[in-house]
Amino acid sequence: MDHQPLVCNAKNCRVELRDKAIVTVYTSLTLDSHTVCFQCARNSGINGPGPYTCPVCRQPLTSGGVLEQKLQPSEEWKNMILCGLSPIDIMECAGRALSFWSYQMNNQVLVSSTHP
């Protein structure tokens, strides 16, 4: 299924993210997560010893708040990742994933409309 690809959220980058990305995750539910390409992550020091700062919003991150995410997971991975979880947990994961995707798509529209 084709869909709009994610792009790096770093202000001056906006490269399409195809296979993998770095995702910043916050413990606070009031902050949105960001996706960045590996080059922007390296440039910001995320792959170093820490402390970490989000290259997009400059908020502090814990070492657990930075993860490498496969954007094209295998069918095997998709078949196994939610096995054993309760339907409530699965729906919670799906809701968070949809919120993340919605934020990313809205952000891309906003940025493209202000920076043609």
PDB file of N, CA and C in Angstrom:
ATOM      1  N   MET A   1       0.846  -1.174   0.000  1.00  0.00           N
ATOM      2  CA  MET A   1       0.000   0.000   0.000  1.00  0.00           C
ATOM      3  C   MET A   1       0.891   1.236   0.000  1.00  0.00           C
ATOM      4  N   ASP A   2       0.657   2.146  -0.933  1.00  0.00           N
ATOM      5  CA  ASP A   2       1.418   3.384  -0.989  1.00  0.00           C
ATOM      6  C   ASP A   2       0.835   4.386  -0.011  1.00  0.00           C
ATOM      7  N   HIS A   3       1.718   5.174   0.563  1.00  0.00           N
ATOM      8  CA  HIS A   3       1.287   6.216   1.475  1.00  0.00           C
ATOM      9  C   HIS A   3       2.307   7.336   1.433  1.00  0.00           C
ATOM     10  N   GLN A   4       1.939   8.456   1.996  1.00  0.00           N
ATOM     11  CA  GLN A   4       2.828   9.604   2.080  1.00  0.00           C
ATOM     12  C   GLN A   4       4.019   9.220   2.961  1.00  0.00           C
ATOM     13  N   PRO A   5       5.243   9.352   2.467  1.00  0.00           N
ATOM     14  CA  PRO A   5       6.397   8.985   3.303  1.00  0.00           C
ATOM     15  C   PRO A   5       6.633  10.015   4.401  1.00  0.00           C
ATOM     16  N   LEU A   6       7.218   9.548   5.492  1.00  0.00           N
ATOM     17  CA  LEU A   6       7.659  10.459   6.532  1.00  0.00           C
ATOM     18  C   LEU A   6       8.850  11.245   6.024  1.00  0.00           C
ATOM     19  N   VAL A   7       9.039  12.432   6.560  1.00  0.00           N
ATOM     20  CA  VAL A   7      10.223  13.218   6.239  1.00  0.00           C
ATOM     21  C   VAL A   7      10.920  13.588   7.535  1.00  0.00           C
ATOM     22  N   CYS A   8      12.192  13.880   7.433  1.00  0.00           N
ATOM     23  CA  CYS A   8      12.959  14.329   8.587  1.00  0.00           C
ATOM     24  C   CYS A   8      12.329  15.619   9.111  1.00  0.00           C
ATOM     25  N   ASN A   9      12.094  15.686  10.416  1.00  0.00           N
ATOM     26  CA  ASN A   9      11.470  16.854  11.016  1.00  0.00           C
ATOM     27  C   ASN A   9      12.440  17.998  11.268  1.00  0.00           C
ATOM     28  N   ALA A  10      13.742  17.771  11.058  1.00  0.00           N
ATOM     29  CA  ALA A  10      14.713  18.837  11.271  1.00  0.00           C
ATOM     30  C   ALA A  10      14.427  19.983  10.296  1.00  0.00           C
ATOM     31  N   LYS A  11      14.513  21.189  10.807  1.00  0.00           N
ATOM     32  CA  LYS A  11      14.065  22.385  10.079  1.00  0.00           C
ATOM     33  C   LYS A  11      14.644  22.518   8.671  1.00  0.00           C
ATOM     34  N   ASN A  12      15.919  22.324   8.499  1.00  0.00           N
ATOM     35  CA  ASN A  12      16.546  22.558   7.197  1.00  0.00           C
ATOM     36  C   ASN A  12      16.830  21.288   6.417  1.00  0.00           C
ATOM     37  N   CYS A  13      16.205  20.184   6.772  1.00  0.00           N
ATOM     38  CA  CYS A  13      16.507  18.919   6.097  1.00  0.00           C
ATOM     39  C   CYS A  13      15.336  18.458   5.234  1.00  0.00           C
ATOM     40  N   ARG A  14      14.319  17.905   5.838  1.00  0.00           N
ATOM     41  CA  ARG A  14      13.106  17.439   5.177  1.00  0.00           C
ATOM     42  C   ARG A  14      13.324  16.289   4.184  1.00  0.00           C
ATOM     43  N   VAL A  15      14.413  15.529   4.313  1.00  0.00           N
ATOM     44  CA  VAL A  15      14.668  14.381   3.449  1.00  0.00           C
ATOM     45  C   VAL A  15      13.621  13.299   3.749  1.00  0.00           C
ATOM     46  N   GLU A  16      13.208  12.566   2.705  1.00  0.00           N
ATOM     47  CA  GLU A  16      12.258  11.473   2.902  1.00  0.00           C
ATOM     48  C   GLU A  16      12.927  10.346   3.675  1.00  0.00           C
ATOM     49  N   LEU A  17      12.198   9.784   4.611  1.00  0.00           N
ATOM     50  CA  LEU A  17      12.686   8.678   5.434  1.00  0.00           C
ATOM     51  C   LEU A  17      12.076   7.396   4.885  1.00  0.00           C
ATOM     52  N   ARG A  18      12.905   6.527   4.342  1.00  0.00           N
ATOM     53  CA  ARG A  18      12.400   5.342   3.657  1.00  0.00           C
ATOM     54  C   ARG A  18      12.508   4.058   4.480  1.00  0.00           C
ATOM     55  N   ASP A  19      13.702   3.703   4.941  1.00  0.00           N
ATOM     56  CA  ASP A  19      13.912   2.412   5.594  1.00  0.00           C
ATOM     57  C   ASP A  19      13.963   2.503   7.112  1.00  0.00           C
ATOM     58  N   LYS A  20      14.726   3.471   7.616  1.00  0.00           N
ATOM     59  CA  LYS A  20      14.903   3.629   9.059  1.00  0.00           C
ATOM     60  C   LYS A  20      14.915   5.109   9.406  1.00  0.00           C
ATOM     61  N   ALA A  21      14.604   5.386  10.654  1.00  0.00           N
ATOM     62  CA  ALA A  21      14.659   6.768  11.149  1.00  0.00           C
ATOM     63  C   ALA A  21      14.970   6.729  12.635  1.00  0.00           C
ATOM     64  N   ILE A  22      15.393   7.852  13.139  1.00  0.00           N
ATOM     65  CA  ILE A  22      15.533   8.027  14.577  1.00  0.00           C
ATOM     66  C   ILE A  22      14.259   8.712  15.046  1.00  0.00           C
ATOM     67  N   VAL A  23      13.653   8.162  16.085  1.00  0.00           N
ATOM     68  CA  VAL A  23      12.422   8.718  16.632  1.00  0.00           C
ATOM     69  C   VAL A  23      12.711   9.172  18.054  1.00  0.00           C
ATOM     70  N   THR A  24      12.312  10.392  18.366  1.00  0.00           N
ATOM     71  CA  THR A  24      12.435  10.885  19.735  1.00  0.00           C
ATOM     72  C   THR A  24      11.109  10.630  20.436  1.00  0.00           C
ATOM     73  N   VAL A  25      11.185  10.104  21.635  1.00  0.00           N
ATOM     74  CA  VAL A  25      10.002   9.738  22.398  1.00  0.00           C
ATOM     75  C   VAL A  25      10.085  10.431  23.753  1.00  0.00           C
ATOM     76  N   TYR A  26       9.014  11.088  24.126  1.00  0.00           N
ATOM     77  CA  TYR A  26       8.978  11.818  25.389  1.00  0.00           C
ATOM     78  C   TYR A  26       8.123  11.080  26.397  1.00  0.00           C
ATOM     79  N   THR A  27       8.502  11.183  27.659  1.00  0.00           N
ATOM     80  CA  THR A  27       7.689  10.570  28.706  1.00  0.00           C
ATOM     81  C   THR A  27       6.434  11.382  28.947  1.00  0.00           C
ATOM     82  N   SER A  28       6.496  12.670  28.668  1.00  0.00           N
ATOM     83  CA  SER A  28       5.325  13.529  28.836  1.00  0.00           C
ATOM     84  C   SER A  28       4.393  13.337  27.652  1.00  0.00           C
ATOM     85  N   LEU A  29       3.125  13.193  27.920  1.00  0.00           N
ATOM     86  CA  LEU A  29       2.152  13.018  26.840  1.00  0.00           C
ATOM     87  C   LEU A  29       1.816  14.330  26.147  1.00  0.00           C
ATOM     88  N   THR A  30       2.329  15.452  26.667  1.00  0.00           N
ATOM     89  CA  THR A  30       2.015  16.742  26.057  1.00  0.00           C
ATOM     90  C   THR A  30       2.974  17.095  24.935  1.00  0.00           C
ATOM     91  N   LEU A  31       4.078  16.374  24.810  1.00  0.00           N
ATOM     92  CA  LEU A  31       5.056  16.668  23.762  1.00  0.00           C
ATOM     93  C   LEU A  31       4.917  15.664  22.630  1.00  0.00           C
ATOM     94  N   ASP A  32       5.042  16.143  21.396  1.00  0.00           N
ATOM     95  CA  ASP A  32       4.966  15.259  20.237  1.00  0.00           C
ATOM     96  C   ASP A  32       6.333  14.661  19.948  1.00  0.00           C
ATOM     97  N   SER A  33       6.325  13.439  19.465  1.00  0.00           N
ATOM     98  CA  SER A  33       7.563  12.784  19.069  1.00  0.00           C
ATOM     99  C   SER A  33       7.987  13.296  17.702  1.00  0.00           C
ATOM    100  N   HIS A  34       9.268  13.187  17.419  1.00  0.00           N
ATOM    101  CA  HIS A  34       9.797  13.654  16.138  1.00  0.00           C
ATOM    102  C   HIS A  34      10.581  12.542  15.459  1.00  0.00           C
ATOM    103  N   THR A  35      10.637  12.619  14.137  1.00  0.00           N
ATOM    104  CA  THR A  35      11.452  11.697  13.351  1.00  0.00           C
ATOM    105  C   THR A  35      12.558  12.496  12.682  1.00  0.00           C
ATOM    106  N   VAL A  36      13.765  11.949  12.716  1.00  0.00           N
ATOM    107  CA  VAL A  36      14.889  12.605  12.058  1.00  0.00           C
ATOM    108  C   VAL A  36      15.707  11.564  11.302  1.00  0.00           C
ATOM    109  N   CYS A  37      16.376  12.025  10.276  1.00  0.00           N
ATOM    110  CA  CYS A  37      17.253  11.148   9.512  1.00  0.00           C
ATOM    111  C   CYS A  37      18.528  10.898  10.327  1.00  0.00           C
ATOM    112  N   PHE A  38      19.303   9.911   9.917  1.00  0.00           N
ATOM    113  CA  PHE A  38      20.517   9.567  10.648  1.00  0.00           C
ATOM    114  C   PHE A  38      21.549  10.684  10.602  1.00  0.00           C
ATOM    115  N   GLN A  39      21.603  11.416   9.505  1.00  0.00           N
ATOM    116  CA  GLN A  39      22.568  12.519   9.404  1.00  0.00           C
ATOM    117  C   GLN A  39      22.244  13.622  10.416  1.00  0.00           C
ATOM    118  N   CYS A  40      20.987  13.996  10.516  1.00  0.00           N
ATOM    119  CA  CYS A  40      20.600  15.027  11.486  1.00  0.00           C
ATOM    120  C   CYS A  40      20.796  14.529  12.915  1.00  0.00           C
ATOM    121  N   ALA A  41      20.542  13.244  13.144  1.00  0.00           N
ATOM    122  CA  ALA A  41      20.774  12.675  14.478  1.00  0.00           C
ATOM    123  C   ALA A  41      22.257  12.749  14.826  1.00  0.00           C
ATOM    124  N   ARG A  42      23.114  12.386  13.879  1.00  0.00           N
ATOM    125  CA  ARG A  42      24.574  12.465  14.117  1.00  0.00           C
ATOM    126  C   ARG A  42      24.997  13.904  14.366  1.00  0.00           C
ATOM    127  N   ASN A  43      24.499  14.819  13.547  1.00  0.00           N
ATOM    128  CA  ASN A  43      24.868  16.229  13.682  1.00  0.00           C
ATOM    129  C   ASN A  43      24.453  16.808  15.036  1.00  0.00           C
ATOM    130  N   SER A  44      23.386  16.275  15.617  1.00  0.00           N
ATOM    131  CA  SER A  44      22.915  16.789  16.902  1.00  0.00           C
ATOM    132  C   SER A  44      23.518  16.052  18.089  1.00  0.00           C
ATOM    133  N   GLY A  45      24.278  14.988  17.829  1.00  0.00           N
ATOM    134  CA  GLY A  45      24.923  14.243  18.906  1.00  0.00           C
ATOM    135  C   GLY A  45      24.065  13.171  19.536  1.00  0.00           C
ATOM    136  N   ILE A  46      22.939  12.838  18.920  1.00  0.00           N
ATOM    137  CA  ILE A  46      22.066  11.818  19.500  1.00  0.00           C
ATOM    138  C   ILE A  46      22.749  10.461  19.575  1.00  0.00           C
ATOM    139  N   ASN A  47      23.657  10.173  18.668  1.00  0.00           N
ATOM    140  CA  ASN A  47      24.312   8.874  18.706  1.00  0.00           C
ATOM    141  C   ASN A  47      25.525   8.860  19.634  1.00  0.00           C
ATOM    142  N   GLY A  48      25.754   9.949  20.351  1.00  0.00           N
ATOM    143  CA  GLY A  48      26.875  10.034  21.279  1.00  0.00           C
ATOM    144  C   GLY A  48      26.501   9.541  22.665  1.00  0.00           C
ATOM    145  N   PRO A  49      27.339   9.849  23.655  1.00  0.00           N
ATOM    146  CA  PRO A  49      27.125   9.342  25.007  1.00  0.00           C
ATOM    147  C   PRO A  49      26.016  10.047  25.794  1.00  0.00           C
ATOM    148  N   GLY A  50      25.477  11.153  25.311  1.00  0.00           N
ATOM    149  CA  GLY A  50      24.422  11.872  26.036  1.00  0.00           C
ATOM    150  C   GLY A  50      25.024  12.954  26.910  1.00  0.00           C
ATOM    151  N   PRO A  51      24.266  13.795  27.515  1.00  0.00           N
ATOM    152  CA  PRO A  51      22.806  13.837  27.464  1.00  0.00           C
ATOM    153  C   PRO A  51      22.313  14.227  26.076  1.00  0.00           C
ATOM    154  N   TYR A  52      21.078  13.848  25.790  1.00  0.00           N
ATOM    155  CA  TYR A  52      20.515  14.049  24.469  1.00  0.00           C
ATOM    156  C   TYR A  52      19.535  15.216  24.447  1.00  0.00           C
ATOM    157  N   THR A  53      19.498  15.873  23.303  1.00  0.00           N
ATOM    158  CA  THR A  53      18.541  16.944  23.061  1.00  0.00           C
ATOM    159  C   THR A  53      17.899  16.681  21.709  1.00  0.00           C
ATOM    160  N   CYS A  54      16.596  16.810  21.632  1.00  0.00           N
ATOM    161  CA  CYS A  54      15.900  16.591  20.367  1.00  0.00           C
ATOM    162  C   CYS A  54      16.384  17.617  19.351  1.00  0.00           C
ATOM    163  N   PRO A  55      16.810  17.172  18.162  1.00  0.00           N
ATOM    164  CA  PRO A  55      17.282  18.112  17.143  1.00  0.00           C
ATOM    165  C   PRO A  55      16.172  18.977  16.551  1.00  0.00           C
ATOM    166  N   VAL A  56      14.923  18.652  16.825  1.00  0.00           N
ATOM    167  CA  VAL A  56      13.804  19.404  16.270  1.00  0.00           C
ATOM    168  C   VAL A  56      13.324  20.478  17.243  1.00  0.00           C
ATOM    169  N   CYS A  57      13.001  20.070  18.475  1.00  0.00           N
ATOM    170  CA  CYS A  57      12.405  21.007  19.436  1.00  0.00           C
ATOM    171  C   CYS A  57      13.347  21.404  20.571  1.00  0.00           C
ATOM    172  N   ARG A  58      14.525  20.807  20.593  1.00  0.00           N
ATOM    173  CA  ARG A  58      15.558  21.117  21.598  1.00  0.00           C
ATOM    174  C   ARG A  58      15.159  20.731  23.015  1.00  0.00           C
ATOM    175  N   GLN A  59      14.166  19.870  23.176  1.00  0.00           N
ATOM    176  CA  GLN A  59      13.788  19.389  24.500  1.00  0.00           C
ATOM    177  C   GLN A  59      14.762  18.300  24.934  1.00  0.00           C
ATOM    178  N   PRO A  60      15.062  18.210  26.228  1.00  0.00           N
ATOM    179  CA  PRO A  60      15.953  17.154  26.705  1.00  0.00           C
ATOM    180  C   PRO A  60      15.304  15.779  26.542  1.00  0.00           C
ATOM    181  N   LEU A  61      16.140  14.796  26.239  1.00  0.00           N
ATOM    182  CA  LEU A  61      15.683  13.418  26.055  1.00  0.00           C
ATOM    183  C   LEU A  61      16.481  12.497  26.964  1.00  0.00           C
ATOM    184  N   THR A  62      15.864  11.427  27.416  1.00  0.00           N
ATOM    185  CA  THR A  62      16.601  10.396  28.130  1.00  0.00           C
ATOM    186  C   THR A  62      17.187   9.441  27.094  1.00  0.00           C
ATOM    187  N   SER A  63      18.113   8.581  27.513  1.00  0.00           N
ATOM    188  CA  SER A  63      18.680   7.620  26.559  1.00  0.00           C
ATOM    189  C   SER A  63      17.592   6.690  26.038  1.00  0.00           C
ATOM    190  N   GLY A  64      16.556   6.416  26.841  1.00  0.00           N
ATOM    191  CA  GLY A  64      15.439   5.596  26.386  1.00  0.00           C
ATOM    192  C   GLY A  64      14.468   6.350  25.499  1.00  0.00           C
ATOM    193  N   GLY A  65      14.653   7.666  25.368  1.00  0.00           N
ATOM    194  CA  GLY A  65      13.772   8.487  24.560  1.00  0.00           C
ATOM    195  C   GLY A  65      14.218   8.630  23.123  1.00  0.00           C
ATOM    196  N   VAL A  66      15.249   7.878  22.744  1.00  0.00           N
ATOM    197  CA  VAL A  66      15.759   7.910  21.374  1.00  0.00           C
ATOM    198  C   VAL A  66      15.793   6.472  20.874  1.00  0.00           C
ATOM    199  N   LEU A  67      15.107   6.216  19.770  1.00  0.00           N
ATOM    200  CA  LEU A  67      15.154   4.866  19.244  1.00  0.00           C
ATOM    201  C   LEU A  67      15.244   4.857  17.734  1.00  0.00           C
ATOM    202  N   GLU A  68      15.873   3.801  17.251  1.00  0.00           N
ATOM    203  CA  GLU A  68      15.964   3.577  15.810  1.00  0.00           C
ATOM    204  C   GLU A  68      14.749   2.761  15.410  1.00  0.00           C
ATOM    205  N   GLN A  69      13.997   3.269  14.442  1.00  0.00           N
ATOM    206  CA  GLN A  69      12.762   2.611  14.042  1.00  0.00           C
ATOM    207  C   GLN A  69      12.834   2.161  12.591  1.00  0.00           C
ATOM    208  N   LYS A  70      12.504   0.891  12.352  1.00  0.00           N
ATOM    209  CA  LYS A  70      12.365   0.403  10.984  1.00  0.00           C
ATOM    210  C   LYS A  70      11.061   0.952  10.428  1.00  0.00           C
ATOM    211  N   LEU A  71      11.120   1.526   9.258  1.00  0.00           N
ATOM    212  CA  LEU A  71       9.924   2.082   8.635  1.00  0.00           C
ATOM    213  C   LEU A  71       9.286   1.130   7.640  1.00  0.00           C
ATOM    214  N   GLN A  72       9.999   0.075   7.290  1.00  0.00           N
ATOM    215  CA  GLN A  72       9.487  -0.939   6.381  1.00  0.00           C
ATOM    216  C   GLN A  72       9.663  -2.308   7.042  1.00  0.00           C
ATOM    217  N   PRO A  73       8.918  -2.597   8.107  1.00  0.00           N
ATOM    218  CA  PRO A  73       9.116  -3.865   8.813  1.00  0.00           C
ATOM    219  C   PRO A  73       8.690  -5.050   7.956  1.00  0.00           C
ATOM    220  N   SER A  74       9.302  -6.191   8.239  1.00  0.00           N
ATOM    221  CA  SER A  74       8.981  -7.412   7.497  1.00  0.00           C
ATOM    222  C   SER A  74       7.594  -7.915   7.897  1.00  0.00           C
ATOM    223  N   GLU A  75       7.023  -8.754   7.055  1.00  0.00           N
ATOM    224  CA  GLU A  75       5.727  -9.361   7.367  1.00  0.00           C
ATOM    225  C   GLU A  75       5.845 -10.223   8.625  1.00  0.00           C
ATOM    226  N   GLU A  76       6.967 -10.903   8.778  1.00  0.00           N
ATOM    227  CA  GLU A  76       7.186 -11.715   9.980  1.00  0.00           C
ATOM    228  C   GLU A  76       7.133 -10.853  11.240  1.00  0.00           C
ATOM    229  N   TRP A  77       7.794  -9.697  11.208  1.00  0.00           N
ATOM    230  CA  TRP A  77       7.802  -8.795  12.355  1.00  0.00           C
ATOM    231  C   TRP A  77       6.377  -8.336  12.663  1.00  0.00           C
ATOM    232  N   LYS A  78       5.633  -7.948  11.619  1.00  0.00           N
ATOM    233  CA  LYS A  78       4.256  -7.482  11.819  1.00  0.00           C
ATOM    234  C   LYS A  78       3.369  -8.591  12.387  1.00  0.00           C
ATOM    235  N   ASN A  79       3.628  -9.837  11.985  1.00  0.00           N
ATOM    236  CA  ASN A  79       2.842 -10.960  12.487  1.00  0.00           C
ATOM    237  C   ASN A  79       3.111 -11.230  13.967  1.00  0.00           C
ATOM    238  N   MET A  80       4.311 -10.941  14.435  1.00  0.00           N
ATOM    239  CA  MET A  80       4.712 -11.325  15.784  1.00  0.00           C
ATOM    240  C   MET A  80       4.661 -10.219  16.830  1.00  0.00           C
ATOM    241  N   ILE A  81       4.758  -8.970  16.444  1.00  0.00           N
ATOM    242  CA  ILE A  81       5.001  -7.899  17.395  1.00  0.00           C
ATOM    243  C   ILE A  81       3.907  -7.743  18.449  1.00  0.00           C
ATOM    244  N   LEU A  82       2.672  -7.994  18.125  1.00  0.00           N
ATOM    245  CA  LEU A  82       1.587  -7.800  19.080  1.00  0.00           C
ATOM    246  C   LEU A  82       1.064  -9.107  19.669  1.00  0.00           C
ATOM    247  N   CYS A  83       1.667 -10.236  19.288  1.00  0.00           N
ATOM    248  CA  CYS A  83       1.214 -11.531  19.804  1.00  0.00           C
ATOM    249  C   CYS A  83       1.335 -11.564  21.318  1.00  0.00           C
ATOM    250  N   GLY A  84       0.307 -12.044  21.964  1.00  0.00           N
ATOM    251  CA  GLY A  84       0.307 -12.189  23.412  1.00  0.00           C
ATOM    252  C   GLY A  84      -0.207 -10.979  24.167  1.00  0.00           C
ATOM    253  N   LEU A  85      -0.382  -9.858  23.475  1.00  0.00           N
ATOM    254  CA  LEU A  85      -0.906  -8.666  24.139  1.00  0.00           C
ATOM    255  C   LEU A  85      -2.430  -8.726  24.184  1.00  0.00           C
ATOM    256  N   SER A  86      -2.985  -8.109  25.199  1.00  0.00           N
ATOM    257  CA  SER A  86      -4.447  -8.068  25.313  1.00  0.00           C
ATOM    258  C   SER A  86      -5.000  -7.116  24.252  1.00  0.00           C
ATOM    259  N   PRO A  87      -6.263  -7.293  23.878  1.00  0.00           N
ATOM    260  CA  PRO A  87      -6.873  -6.363  22.926  1.00  0.00           C
ATOM    261  C   PRO A  87      -6.803  -4.911  23.396  1.00  0.00           C
ATOM    262  N   ILE A  88      -6.904  -4.673  24.693  1.00  0.00           N
ATOM    263  CA  ILE A  88      -6.814  -3.305  25.218  1.00  0.00           C
ATOM    264  C   ILE A  88      -5.434  -2.722  24.931  1.00  0.00           C
ATOM    265  N   ASP A  89      -4.377  -3.515  25.192  1.00  0.00           N
ATOM    266  CA  ASP A  89      -3.017  -3.036  24.923  1.00  0.00           C
ATOM    267  C   ASP A  89      -2.787  -2.818  23.432  1.00  0.00           C
ATOM    268  N   ILE A  90      -3.327  -3.699  22.611  1.00  0.00           N
ATOM    269  CA  ILE A  90      -3.175  -3.564  21.160  1.00  0.00           C
ATOM    270  C   ILE A  90      -3.853  -2.286  20.680  1.00  0.00           C
ATOM    271  N   MET A  91      -5.042  -2.009  21.164  1.00  0.00           N
ATOM    272  CA  MET A  91      -5.750  -0.792  20.755  1.00  0.00           C
ATOM    273  C   MET A  91      -5.033   0.458  21.258  1.00  0.00           C
ATOM    274  N   GLU A  92      -4.448   0.390  22.447  1.00  0.00           N
ATOM    275  CA  GLU A  92      -3.678   1.519  22.960  1.00  0.00           C
ATOM    276  C   GLU A  92      -2.465   1.783  22.072  1.00  0.00           C
ATOM    277  N   CYS A  93      -1.762   0.719  21.678  1.00  0.00           N
ATOM    278  CA  CYS A  93      -0.618   0.868  20.770  1.00  0.00           C
ATOM    279  C   CYS A  93      -1.061   1.447  19.431  1.00  0.00           C
ATOM    280  N   ALA A  94      -2.159   0.929  18.901  1.00  0.00           N
ATOM    281  CA  ALA A  94      -2.659   1.413  17.617  1.00  0.00           C
ATOM    282  C   ALA A  94      -3.058   2.880  17.711  1.00  0.00           C
ATOM    283  N   GLY A  95      -3.699   3.266  18.794  1.00  0.00           N
ATOM    284  CA  GLY A  95      -4.090   4.667  18.977  1.00  0.00           C
ATOM    285  C   GLY A  95      -2.888   5.593  19.027  1.00  0.00           C
ATOM    286  N   ARG A  96      -1.864   5.185  19.750  1.00  0.00           N
ATOM    287  CA  ARG A  96      -0.655   6.010  19.825  1.00  0.00           C
ATOM    288  C   ARG A  96       0.036   6.101  18.470  1.00  0.00           C
ATOM    289  N   ALA A  97       0.067   4.983  17.741  1.00  0.00           N
ATOM    290  CA  ALA A  97       0.694   4.988  16.419  1.00  0.00           C
ATOM    291  C   ALA A  97      -0.075   5.894  15.457  1.00  0.00           C
ATOM    292  N   LEU A  98      -1.390   5.850  15.517  1.00  0.00           N
ATOM    293  CA  LEU A  98      -2.190   6.721  14.657  1.00  0.00           C
ATOM    294  C   LEU A  98      -2.023   8.192  15.032  1.00  0.00           C
ATOM    295  N   SER A  99      -1.927   8.482  16.314  1.00  0.00           N
ATOM    296  CA  SER A  99      -1.682   9.861  16.747  1.00  0.00           C
ATOM    297  C   SER A  99      -0.332  10.349  16.252  1.00  0.00           C
ATOM    298  N   PHE A 100       0.679   9.487  16.341  1.00  0.00           N
ATOM    299  CA  PHE A 100       2.012   9.832  15.852  1.00  0.00           C
ATOM    300  C   PHE A 100       1.959  10.132  14.356  1.00  0.00           C
ATOM    301  N   TRP A 101       1.320   9.253  13.589  1.00  0.00           N
ATOM    302  CA  TRP A 101       1.233   9.427  12.134  1.00  0.00           C
ATOM    303  C   TRP A 101       0.471  10.706  11.793  1.00  0.00           C
ATOM    304  N   SER A 102      -0.620  10.957  12.484  1.00  0.00           N
ATOM    305  CA  SER A 102      -1.411  12.162  12.242  1.00  0.00           C
ATOM    306  C   SER A 102      -0.581  13.418  12.510  1.00  0.00           C
ATOM    307  N   TYR A 103       0.153  13.433  13.614  1.00  0.00           N
ATOM    308  CA  TYR A 103       1.018  14.575  13.925  1.00  0.00           C
ATOM    309  C   TYR A 103       2.051  14.778  12.820  1.00  0.00           C
ATOM    310  N   GLN A 104       2.677  13.695  12.375  1.00  0.00           N
ATOM    311  CA  GLN A 104       3.701  13.799  11.337  1.00  0.00           C
ATOM    312  C   GLN A 104       3.115  14.354  10.041  1.00  0.00           C
ATOM    313  N   MET A 105       1.968  13.852   9.615  1.00  0.00           N
ATOM    314  CA  MET A 105       1.353  14.314   8.371  1.00  0.00           C
ATOM    315  C   MET A 105       0.913  15.776   8.490  1.00  0.00           C
ATOM    316  N   ASN A 106       0.318  16.148   9.623  1.00  0.00           N
ATOM    317  CA  ASN A 106      -0.080  17.548   9.825  1.00  0.00           C
ATOM    318  C   ASN A 106       1.134  18.465   9.835  1.00  0.00           C
ATOM    319  N   ASN A 107       2.208  18.019  10.458  1.00  0.00           N
ATOM    320  CA  ASN A 107       3.445  18.795  10.491  1.00  0.00           C
ATOM    321  C   ASN A 107       4.000  18.989   9.086  1.00  0.00           C
ATOM    322  N   GLN A 108       3.968  17.948   8.275  1.00  0.00           N
ATOM    323  CA  GLN A 108       4.481  18.049   6.912  1.00  0.00           C
ATOM    324  C   GLN A 108       3.656  19.019   6.080  1.00  0.00           C
ATOM    325  N   VAL A 109       2.342  18.991   6.238  1.00  0.00           N
ATOM    326  CA  VAL A 109       1.481  19.934   5.507  1.00  0.00           C
ATOM    327  C   VAL A 109       1.768  21.355   5.953  1.00  0.00           C
ATOM    328  N   LEU A 110       1.881  21.567   7.252  1.00  0.00           N
ATOM    329  CA  LEU A 110       2.157  22.896   7.793  1.00  0.00           C
ATOM    330  C   LEU A 110       3.490  23.432   7.263  1.00  0.00           C
ATOM    331  N   VAL A 111       4.530  22.620   7.315  1.00  0.00           N
ATOM    332  CA  VAL A 111       5.845  23.058   6.864  1.00  0.00           C
ATOM    333  C   VAL A 111       5.845  23.329   5.363  1.00  0.00           C
ATOM    334  N   SER A 112       5.203  22.451   4.584  1.00  0.00           N
ATOM    335  CA  SER A 112       5.208  22.667   3.132  1.00  0.00           C
ATOM    336  C   SER A 112       4.400  23.907   2.740  1.00  0.00           C
ATOM    337  N   SER A 113       3.383  24.262   3.522  1.00  0.00           N
ATOM    338  CA  SER A 113       2.595  25.445   3.188  1.00  0.00           C
ATOM    339  C   SER A 113       3.303  26.739   3.593  1.00  0.00           C
ATOM    340  N   THR A 114       4.200  26.678   4.572  1.00  0.00           N
ATOM    341  CA  THR A 114       4.920  27.877   4.996  1.00  0.00           C
ATOM    342  C   THR A 114       6.280  28.007   4.328  1.00  0.00           C
ATOM    343  N   HIS A 115       6.792  26.915   3.750  1.00  0.00           N
ATOM    344  CA  HIS A 115       8.080  26.932   3.043  1.00  0.00           C
ATOM    345  C   HIS A 115       7.920  26.275   1.679  1.00  0.00           C
ATOM    346  N   PRO A 116       7.300  26.961   0.718  1.00  0.00           N
ATOM    347  CA  PRO A 116       7.035  26.348  -0.593  1.00  0.00           C
ATOM    348  C   PRO A 116       8.310  26.055  -1.371  1.00  0.00           C
TER     349      PRO A 116
END
